[in-house]
């Protein structure tokens, strides 16, 4: 679902980020709390990002990518099927 005040491209990018984050976290068998701990972020922040409800900074994208062991751009591009 797209928020009324969010341009479609931004909503799609947030959705992609959330889906990638959820998938990569699950591959490591981590909870949201585990990932948040590794990134020194709050668990509810991670939950909001996974649901596409937060417009996060590049610094936080970098923290998430570093914790997951992937380049930051991998969080922002749709996975290849």
C-alpha atoms as a PDB file:
ATOM      1  CA  UNK A   1       0.000   0.000   0.000  1.00  0.00           C
ATOM      2  CA  UNK A   2       1.338   3.421  -0.962  1.00  0.00           C
ATOM      3  CA  UNK A   3       1.047   6.348   1.448  1.00  0.00           C
ATOM      4  CA  UNK A   4      -0.867   9.256  -0.082  1.00  0.00           C
ATOM      5  CA  UNK A   5       1.987  11.723   0.478  1.00  0.00           C
ATOM      6  CA  UNK A   6       4.786   9.515  -0.892  1.00  0.00           C
ATOM      7  CA  UNK A   7       5.628   9.643  -4.603  1.00  0.00           C
ATOM      8  CA  UNK A   8       5.273   6.172  -6.213  1.00  0.00           C
ATOM      9  CA  UNK A   9       8.991   5.832  -7.011  1.00  0.00           C
ATOM     10  CA  UNK A  10       9.926   6.525  -3.399  1.00  0.00           C
ATOM     11  CA  UNK A  11       7.347   4.027  -2.145  1.00  0.00           C
ATOM     12  CA  UNK A  12       8.653   1.377  -4.578  1.00  0.00           C
ATOM     13  CA  UNK A  13      12.227   1.969  -3.428  1.00  0.00           C
ATOM     14  CA  UNK A  14      11.197   1.746   0.220  1.00  0.00           C
ATOM     15  CA  UNK A  15       9.328  -1.482  -0.534  1.00  0.00           C
ATOM     16  CA  UNK A  16      12.376  -2.958  -2.306  1.00  0.00           C
ATOM     17  CA  UNK A  17      14.613  -1.971   0.602  1.00  0.00           C
ATOM     18  CA  UNK A  18      12.234  -3.578   3.087  1.00  0.00           C
ATOM     19  CA  UNK A  19      11.876  -6.799   1.109  1.00  0.00           C
ATOM     20  CA  UNK A  20      15.633  -7.121   0.614  1.00  0.00           C
ATOM     21  CA  UNK A  21      16.292  -6.406   4.262  1.00  0.00           C
ATOM     22  CA  UNK A  22      13.741  -9.008   5.376  1.00  0.00           C
ATOM     23  CA  UNK A  23      15.088 -11.637   2.965  1.00  0.00           C
ATOM     24  CA  UNK A  24      18.758 -11.123   3.870  1.00  0.00           C
ATOM     25  CA  UNK A  25      17.947 -11.084   7.578  1.00  0.00           C
ATOM     26  CA  UNK A  26      15.985 -14.327   7.260  1.00  0.00           C
ATOM     27  CA  UNK A  27      18.863 -15.973   5.343  1.00  0.00           C
ATOM     28  CA  UNK A  28      21.009 -15.396   8.424  1.00  0.00           C
ATOM     29  CA  UNK A  29      18.222 -16.648  10.696  1.00  0.00           C
ATOM     30  CA  UNK A  30      18.265 -13.306  12.527  1.00  0.00           C
ATOM     31  CA  UNK A  31      15.342 -11.668  14.243  1.00  0.00           C
ATOM     32  CA  UNK A  32      14.705  -7.970  13.781  1.00  0.00           C
ATOM     33  CA  UNK A  33      16.158  -7.544  17.245  1.00  0.00           C
ATOM     34  CA  UNK A  34      19.351  -9.384  16.220  1.00  0.00           C
ATOM     35  CA  UNK A  35      19.807  -7.142  13.188  1.00  0.00           C
ATOM     36  CA  UNK A  36      19.046  -4.015  15.188  1.00  0.00           C
ATOM     37  CA  UNK A  37      21.667  -5.009  17.758  1.00  0.00           C
ATOM     38  CA  UNK A  38      24.296  -5.555  15.050  1.00  0.00           C
ATOM     39  CA  UNK A  39      23.527  -2.107  13.590  1.00  0.00           C
ATOM     40  CA  UNK A  40      23.077  -0.308  16.892  1.00  0.00           C
ATOM     41  CA  UNK A  41      19.570   0.683  15.789  1.00  0.00           C
ATOM     42  CA  UNK A  42      16.234   0.166  17.521  1.00  0.00           C
ATOM     43  CA  UNK A  43      14.184  -2.934  16.704  1.00  0.00           C
ATOM     44  CA  UNK A  44      11.091  -0.884  15.896  1.00  0.00           C
ATOM     45  CA  UNK A  45      13.153   1.181  13.448  1.00  0.00           C
ATOM     46  CA  UNK A  46      14.169  -2.014  11.625  1.00  0.00           C
ATOM     47  CA  UNK A  47      10.528  -3.153  11.619  1.00  0.00           C
ATOM     48  CA  UNK A  48       9.394   0.167  10.106  1.00  0.00           C
ATOM     49  CA  UNK A  49      12.080  -0.028   7.414  1.00  0.00           C
ATOM     50  CA  UNK A  50      11.045  -3.585   6.522  1.00  0.00           C
ATOM     51  CA  UNK A  51       7.440  -2.404   6.122  1.00  0.00           C
ATOM     52  CA  UNK A  52       8.478   0.560   3.963  1.00  0.00           C
ATOM     53  CA  UNK A  53       7.268   3.092   6.526  1.00  0.00           C
ATOM     54  CA  UNK A  54      10.569   4.908   7.136  1.00  0.00           C
ATOM     55  CA  UNK A  55      12.596   7.119   4.840  1.00  0.00           C
ATOM     56  CA  UNK A  56      16.031   6.218   6.172  1.00  0.00           C
ATOM     57  CA  UNK A  57      19.385   7.916   5.727  1.00  0.00           C
ATOM     58  CA  UNK A  58      22.292   6.636   3.690  1.00  0.00           C
ATOM     59  CA  UNK A  59      24.211   6.227   6.943  1.00  0.00           C
ATOM     60  CA  UNK A  60      21.606   3.781   8.234  1.00  0.00           C
ATOM     61  CA  UNK A  61      21.493   1.932   4.907  1.00  0.00           C
ATOM     62  CA  UNK A  62      25.267   1.546   5.221  1.00  0.00           C
ATOM     63  CA  UNK A  63      24.924   0.224   8.796  1.00  0.00           C
ATOM     64  CA  UNK A  64      22.354  -2.343   7.702  1.00  0.00           C
ATOM     65  CA  UNK A  65      24.410  -3.434   4.695  1.00  0.00           C
ATOM     66  CA  UNK A  66      27.586  -3.737   6.760  1.00  0.00           C
ATOM     67  CA  UNK A  67      25.814  -5.874   9.373  1.00  0.00           C
ATOM     68  CA  UNK A  68      24.384  -8.118   6.643  1.00  0.00           C
ATOM     69  CA  UNK A  69      27.731  -8.344   4.842  1.00  0.00           C
ATOM     70  CA  UNK A  70      26.493  -6.977   1.518  1.00  0.00           C
ATOM     71  CA  UNK A  71      27.245  -3.843  -0.516  1.00  0.00           C
ATOM     72  CA  UNK A  72      24.716  -1.090   0.223  1.00  0.00           C
ATOM     73  CA  UNK A  73      23.384  -1.050  -3.339  1.00  0.00           C
ATOM     74  CA  UNK A  74      22.123  -4.652  -2.888  1.00  0.00           C
ATOM     75  CA  UNK A  75      19.538  -3.352  -0.444  1.00  0.00           C
ATOM     76  CA  UNK A  76      18.136  -0.963  -3.050  1.00  0.00           C
ATOM     77  CA  UNK A  77      17.819  -3.097  -6.182  1.00  0.00           C
ATOM     78  CA  UNK A  78      15.170  -5.757  -6.796  1.00  0.00           C
ATOM     79  CA  UNK A  79      16.606  -9.261  -6.506  1.00  0.00           C
ATOM     80  CA  UNK A  80      17.259 -11.113  -9.754  1.00  0.00           C
ATOM     81  CA  UNK A  81      14.815 -13.997 -10.080  1.00  0.00           C
END
